[in-house]
Amino acid sequence: MNGGATVEEHSSHGTHVCGIIAAEAGNGGVLGVASGGGTALANKIVDMVAIDAFSDKTQDARGNWVANGTFQDILFAMEYARDAGCSIVNMSLGFNATDEKLVAAFEEIASGLLRSNGMLIVAAAGNAGAQTQSVPAVCDSVLGVISLTQEGHETAGWNSIGSATWVSNGVTRSAFSNYGSWYDIAAPGEAVQSTYFSRSGVDSYANMDGTSMACPVVTAVAAMVRAASPSLTAAETRDILCGTATDLADEGKDDQSG
């Protein structure tokens, strides 16, 4: 947006993420994990363009538009979500956690929202395919999400199953997904079909890969848990998801799948 009235969308990232959470059935495409059907809570979603909304757009060496944002942009969006009364926030984004002060600052903010505002933040672990930290997913008060790949449902080129060091019931960590003891849970993130915004003017459905796709699957489940039991706190909701998740890789919580 860059402060103007026109939405300059150069990527379908946000549209794809939103569809995973709340796409309505019956449109010839997909059904969102937490679409809600005909209930009063159906498709009750607040969408925000935090990255690239208030910052200059940039392009990479190939001419593709690259999301560009600042820590302040993210804080602005979190403040907006808090004021809008959001109880579950999906953050399919992240920063390299090279600055301890940045990690500490985000942890302080996230923990405050968790305790004082009942807001559970769910964040993507990142796509470097490495045992590395990404903010905000590494924060203790944030539910960090690793991406999984199912055998027979892969994207050409990643070789997630072929290069896997472990496979559990036909599922492994996606080759592109970050991993480590900082992350909490995992969900499907490779070859995920969802709503797709086309700059040609023809909107459709398409597959995309990334921890950004795994993240909204968890966000949607968390939303359904809190909708089913509104008295649950954000921390209790997080504990329910982690405590009832199917165990993969090594027994109990592990670096590969949370």
Protein backbone atom coordinates (compact mmCIF):
# COMPACT_ATOMS: atom_id res chain seq x y z
CA MET A 1 0.00 0.00 0.00
CA ASN A 2 2.82 2.39 0.91
CA GLY A 3 0.33 4.82 2.43
CA GLY A 4 -1.89 5.00 -0.66
CA ALA A 5 -5.38 3.72 -1.38
CA THR A 6 -4.26 1.16 -3.96
CA VAL A 7 -3.15 -2.29 -2.86
CA GLU A 8 0.00 -3.07 -4.83
CA GLU A 9 0.13 -6.85 -4.44
CA HIS A 10 3.20 -8.34 -6.12
CA SER A 11 2.89 -11.75 -4.53
CA SER A 12 0.11 -14.17 -3.66
CA HIS A 13 1.76 -15.03 -0.35
CA GLY A 14 -0.88 -13.44 1.89
CA THR A 15 -3.81 -14.63 -0.22
CA HIS A 16 -2.48 -18.18 -0.13
CA VAL A 17 -1.96 -18.07 3.63
CA CYS A 18 -5.46 -16.70 4.28
CA GLY A 19 -7.02 -19.38 2.10
CA ILE A 20 -5.35 -22.14 4.11
CA ILE A 21 -7.07 -20.75 7.19
CA ALA A 22 -10.47 -19.67 5.96
CA ALA A 23 -11.24 -20.40 2.28
CA GLU A 24 -14.96 -21.04 1.80
CA ALA A 25 -16.11 -24.35 0.37
CA GLY A 26 -18.10 -24.63 -2.83
CA ASN A 27 -15.98 -22.37 -5.02
CA GLY A 28 -14.31 -25.13 -7.01
CA GLY A 29 -11.08 -24.87 -5.05
CA VAL A 30 -10.22 -25.64 -1.45
CA LEU A 31 -11.77 -25.60 2.01
CA GLY A 32 -9.84 -23.70 4.67
CA VAL A 33 -8.83 -25.62 7.79
CA ALA A 34 -10.91 -23.28 9.98
CA SER A 35 -13.47 -22.03 7.46
CA GLY A 36 -16.22 -22.47 10.05
CA GLY A 37 -18.94 -23.61 7.66
CA GLY A 38 -22.22 -21.86 8.41
CA THR A 39 -21.38 -20.88 11.99
CA ALA A 40 -21.32 -17.36 13.38
CA LEU A 41 -17.53 -17.51 13.46
CA ALA A 42 -17.16 -18.54 9.83
CA ASN A 43 -14.36 -16.73 8.01
CA LYS A 44 -13.94 -14.23 10.84
CA ILE A 45 -10.44 -13.18 9.90
CA VAL A 46 -8.52 -9.90 10.13
CA ASP A 47 -5.98 -9.65 7.33
CA MET A 48 -3.06 -7.23 7.41
CA VAL A 49 -0.25 -6.46 5.00
CA ALA A 50 2.57 -5.81 7.45
CA ILE A 51 5.57 -6.51 5.25
CA ASP A 52 5.88 -4.01 2.37
CA ALA A 53 2.85 -2.06 3.53
CA PHE A 54 4.81 0.92 4.82
CA SER A 55 8.26 0.26 3.36
CA ASP A 56 9.78 0.74 -0.08
CA LYS A 57 9.41 -2.22 -2.41
CA THR A 58 12.63 -3.85 -3.59
CA GLN A 59 13.55 -6.24 -6.40
CA ASP A 60 16.06 -9.07 -6.47
CA ALA A 61 18.65 -9.69 -9.20
CA ARG A 62 16.06 -11.52 -11.31
CA GLY A 63 13.62 -8.63 -11.17
CA ASN A 64 11.20 -10.34 -8.78
CA TRP A 65 9.56 -8.22 -6.11
CA VAL A 66 10.90 -8.94 -2.64
CA ALA A 67 9.06 -8.24 0.60
CA ASN A 68 10.76 -5.48 2.53
CA GLY A 69 9.81 -4.47 6.03
CA THR A 70 11.06 -3.37 9.40
CA PHE A 71 10.60 -4.42 13.01
CA GLN A 72 8.41 -1.34 13.41
CA ASP A 73 6.08 -2.57 10.66
CA ILE A 74 5.55 -5.83 12.55
CA LEU A 75 4.95 -4.01 15.84
CA PHE A 76 2.37 -1.79 14.14
CA ALA A 77 0.53 -4.86 12.85
CA MET A 78 0.64 -6.57 16.26
CA GLU A 79 -0.77 -3.44 17.89
CA TYR A 80 -3.55 -3.37 15.31
CA ALA A 81 -4.32 -7.06 15.94
CA ARG A 82 -4.43 -6.45 19.69
CA ASP A 83 -6.82 -3.51 19.33
CA ALA A 84 -9.00 -5.55 16.96
CA GLY A 85 -9.36 -8.22 19.65
CA CYS A 86 -7.56 -10.98 17.78
CA SER A 87 -6.97 -14.04 19.96
CA ILE A 88 -4.89 -16.01 17.44
CA VAL A 89 -2.35 -14.30 15.17
CA ASN A 90 -0.65 -15.96 12.21
CA MET A 91 2.81 -14.65 11.34
CA SER A 92 4.08 -16.27 8.15
CA LEU A 93 7.21 -14.17 8.31
CA GLY A 94 10.45 -13.92 10.21
CA PHE A 95 13.81 -12.26 10.76
CA ASN A 96 17.19 -13.94 11.15
CA ALA A 97 17.82 -14.09 14.88
CA THR A 98 21.34 -12.66 14.85
CA ASP A 99 20.61 -9.87 17.31
CA GLU A 100 19.98 -11.02 20.89
CA LYS A 101 18.38 -7.68 21.74
CA LEU A 102 15.86 -8.16 18.92
CA VAL A 103 14.96 -11.63 20.21
CA ALA A 104 14.60 -10.32 23.77
CA ALA A 105 12.47 -7.39 22.65
CA PHE A 106 10.11 -9.57 20.67
CA GLU A 107 9.88 -12.09 23.51
CA GLU A 108 8.91 -9.32 25.92
CA ILE A 109 6.19 -8.09 23.57
CA ALA A 110 4.86 -11.57 22.72
CA SER A 111 4.77 -12.71 26.34
CA GLY A 112 2.94 -9.53 27.32
CA LEU A 113 0.30 -10.09 24.63
CA LEU A 114 -0.01 -13.74 25.70
CA ARG A 115 -0.59 -12.93 29.36
CA SER A 116 -2.40 -9.60 29.25
CA ASN A 117 -4.38 -9.82 26.01
CA GLY A 118 -4.85 -13.58 25.58
CA MET A 119 -3.16 -13.45 22.17
CA LEU A 120 -1.42 -16.56 20.87
CA ILE A 121 1.10 -15.82 18.11
CA VAL A 122 1.86 -18.65 15.66
CA ALA A 123 4.97 -18.09 13.51
CA ALA A 124 6.84 -19.79 10.67
CA ALA A 125 10.27 -21.30 11.40
CA GLY A 126 11.75 -20.04 8.09
CA ASN A 127 12.93 -21.60 4.86
CA ALA A 128 16.73 -21.79 4.99
CA GLY A 129 16.65 -25.57 5.49
CA ALA A 130 18.99 -25.17 8.44
CA GLN A 131 19.18 -25.57 12.19
CA THR A 132 18.86 -21.87 12.76
CA GLN A 133 16.75 -19.37 14.64
CA SER A 134 14.10 -17.11 13.18
CA VAL A 135 12.27 -14.35 15.02
CA PRO A 136 9.49 -14.47 16.15
CA ALA A 137 9.20 -18.27 15.91
CA VAL A 138 12.09 -18.86 18.34
CA CYS A 139 10.45 -16.89 21.15
CA ASP A 140 9.21 -18.94 24.09
CA SER A 141 5.81 -17.23 24.05
CA VAL A 142 5.33 -17.90 20.32
CA LEU A 143 4.26 -21.21 18.76
CA GLY A 144 7.01 -21.90 16.19
CA VAL A 145 6.04 -24.10 13.21
CA ILE A 146 8.25 -26.46 11.17
CA SER A 147 7.11 -27.62 7.70
CA LEU A 148 6.36 -31.26 6.88
CA THR A 149 6.23 -33.11 3.55
CA GLN A 150 4.13 -36.18 2.85
CA GLU A 151 5.43 -38.91 0.56
CA GLY A 152 3.72 -38.71 -2.84
CA HIS A 153 2.75 -35.08 -2.25
CA GLU A 154 5.96 -33.23 -3.03
CA THR A 155 7.14 -30.36 -5.18
CA ALA A 156 9.74 -31.22 -7.80
CA GLY A 157 13.20 -29.98 -6.91
CA TRP A 158 13.08 -30.12 -3.12
CA ASN A 159 13.64 -33.89 -2.85
CA SER A 160 12.32 -33.75 0.71
CA ILE A 161 11.56 -37.48 0.92
CA GLY A 162 14.60 -38.64 -1.05
CA SER A 163 17.04 -36.63 1.06
CA ALA A 164 15.33 -37.26 4.39
CA THR A 165 17.27 -38.64 7.36
CA TRP A 166 14.01 -39.88 8.85
CA VAL A 167 10.53 -40.74 7.58
CA SER A 168 7.60 -41.47 9.91
CA ASN A 169 4.45 -42.93 8.34
CA GLY A 170 5.37 -41.37 5.00
CA VAL A 171 6.04 -37.94 6.51
CA THR A 172 9.30 -36.05 7.02
CA ARG A 173 10.55 -32.53 7.59
CA SER A 174 10.48 -30.49 4.38
CA ALA A 175 13.96 -30.01 2.94
CA PHE A 176 13.56 -26.22 2.94
CA SER A 177 12.29 -25.96 6.52
CA ASN A 178 14.35 -24.58 9.37
CA TYR A 179 14.44 -26.77 12.46
CA GLY A 180 15.82 -26.85 15.99
CA SER A 181 14.95 -27.05 19.66
CA TRP A 182 13.44 -23.54 19.53
CA TYR A 183 10.42 -24.66 17.49
CA ASP A 184 7.35 -26.32 18.91
CA ILE A 185 5.22 -28.15 16.36
CA ALA A 186 5.03 -29.12 12.67
CA ALA A 187 2.39 -29.14 9.93
CA PRO A 188 2.10 -29.75 6.16
CA GLY A 189 3.91 -27.03 4.20
CA GLU A 190 4.97 -28.49 0.85
CA ALA A 191 2.71 -28.57 -2.23
CA VAL A 192 -0.16 -27.00 -0.31
CA GLN A 193 -3.05 -25.89 -2.50
CA SER A 194 -4.86 -22.67 -1.62
CA THR A 195 -6.32 -19.47 -3.00
CA TYR A 196 -4.04 -17.64 -5.40
CA PHE A 197 -3.94 -13.99 -6.45
CA SER A 198 -2.89 -13.57 -10.08
CA ARG A 199 -1.56 -10.24 -11.34
CA SER A 200 -3.08 -11.16 -14.71
CA GLY A 201 -6.48 -10.58 -13.18
CA VAL A 202 -7.52 -14.24 -13.16
CA ASP A 203 -7.68 -15.44 -9.56
CA SER A 204 -7.38 -19.16 -9.06
CA TYR A 205 -5.90 -21.88 -6.85
CA ALA A 206 -2.30 -23.03 -6.78
CA ASN A 207 0.27 -24.97 -4.80
CA MET A 208 2.91 -23.16 -2.77
CA ASP A 209 5.69 -24.36 -0.46
CA GLY A 210 7.10 -22.98 2.76
CA THR A 211 6.87 -22.80 6.50
CA SER A 212 4.55 -19.91 5.66
CA MET A 213 2.09 -22.56 4.46
CA ALA A 214 2.56 -24.82 7.50
CA CYS A 215 2.07 -21.94 9.91
CA PRO A 216 -1.59 -21.17 9.03
CA VAL A 217 -2.53 -24.84 9.35
CA VAL A 218 -1.54 -24.63 13.03
CA THR A 219 -3.11 -21.19 13.39
CA ALA A 220 -6.40 -22.53 12.04
CA VAL A 221 -6.42 -25.47 14.46
CA ALA A 222 -5.66 -23.11 17.35
CA ALA A 223 -8.55 -20.91 16.26
CA MET A 224 -10.93 -23.89 16.24
CA VAL A 225 -9.77 -24.95 19.72
CA ARG A 226 -10.46 -21.50 21.16
CA ALA A 227 -13.77 -21.22 19.31
CA ALA A 228 -14.83 -24.55 20.81
CA SER A 229 -13.76 -23.49 24.31
CA PRO A 230 -13.55 -19.67 24.60
CA SER A 231 -12.57 -19.86 28.28
CA LEU A 232 -9.16 -21.32 27.38
CA THR A 233 -6.20 -19.01 27.79
CA ALA A 234 -3.69 -18.53 25.00
CA ALA A 235 -1.12 -20.58 26.92
CA GLU A 236 -3.62 -23.40 27.49
CA THR A 237 -4.45 -23.44 23.78
CA ARG A 238 -0.75 -23.74 22.91
CA ASP A 239 -0.32 -26.58 25.40
CA ILE A 240 -3.31 -28.47 23.99
CA LEU A 241 -1.92 -28.32 20.45
CA CYS A 242 1.54 -29.49 21.50
CA GLY A 243 0.21 -32.10 23.91
CA THR A 244 -2.14 -33.74 21.39
CA ALA A 245 0.04 -33.52 18.27
CA THR A 246 1.06 -36.78 16.59
CA ASP A 247 4.63 -37.67 17.59
CA LEU A 248 7.11 -37.80 14.69
CA ALA A 249 10.87 -38.35 14.32
CA ASP A 250 12.37 -39.06 17.76
CA GLU A 251 10.10 -39.84 20.71
CA GLY A 252 8.79 -36.75 22.43
CA LYS A 253 9.76 -33.20 21.45
CA ASP A 254 12.69 -33.17 19.03
CA ASP A 255 14.61 -30.75 16.83
CA GLN A 256 13.19 -32.13 13.58
CA SER A 257 9.45 -31.85 14.19
CA GLY A 258 8.84 -30.20 17.53
